[in-house]
């Protein structure tokens, strides 16, 4: 099995993609807006991916957070608020914010499950700061570690009720980035002591089976390599101080924060200790190069992947999507009712 998650070029599999995926047997797939047109089309696409491998449990993933980060969009699918809405409610009614975040995530998860999606790269556990770049911005669940951990746990729980595996991202924390890692490499000069704030939400949820790295340099830990490519950050901080022993994905390996060719980046990430390379843009040459790089899954990665697959299940019995969304909206309205 190739230690990579690959993108798909369009609304249906091409003959070349079908043949390549069958031969390469990647760990899973990621969907974008280019893959999501209608319910029937999207369900057929995810069914076709499972048919290639003959496996019902398969990572078929998406970035569906709400707000700006939504690959499945209205009017076909529901619109969901960004994390900032739940952070605002926390400021006046923390218990209500937790319940609203859980209901929102469960409703979202039920839509994903209906489409045959099994993994959502949600929620961001990044602690927001005044200088946080807009690449995180309103996606963040709060400005305090306890708040981010509590709301993030609610998101993971809501997704799990729908049978969806959520993700801890972006380890060891993207909140101090003052630039967009899609375009350039952020550098953080905070001290080791100051960075305790950033890793605390991840440490609280460290038993979760799936996480994602950050393309950022933390000078206190490794001034020469971004976390994704840093053996020290992965070994000492993510695996060590955070205590995360789940499946560690890279953030999108195509992002401009990293240098070198896609296959060079992929090899460096796997050598540093990431389990799986996330390659989003469905460029066949890059995907073939990753598959032919000679990197294979080690036993530990296989065990971690198995734990992710084991966490997938049919949605629990419970409220339907309309009831969940109505409950969410009632709770979110509490924040709107507060005097300015």
Foldseek 3Di string as FASTA:
>chain_A
DFQAAEEAAAQAHDPVRLVVCLVLVYQYYEYALRNEDALVSLLVRLVSSCVSVVDLQGAYEYADAADPGHRHDPPRDDGDHALLLLLLLCVPPVVLSLLLLLLRLLLVLLVCVSSSHAEYADDELAAADPLFAVVCPRNQNYNFNVRSLSSRVSNQNSNLLQQHGYEYDAPPHRRPFNDDQLEAEGEAADAPVVSCRSNNSLLVVQARAHYEYDRYHYVNFPNPGGCLLALRCVVCPNCNVSVHLHQYEYDALNRPRDDDDSLVSVVSSVVSPHQHYYHHNNDVVSVVCSSPVPDDGDPSSVVRSVVSSVSGDHRHDDDHSVVSVVSSVVSSVVSVPDDD
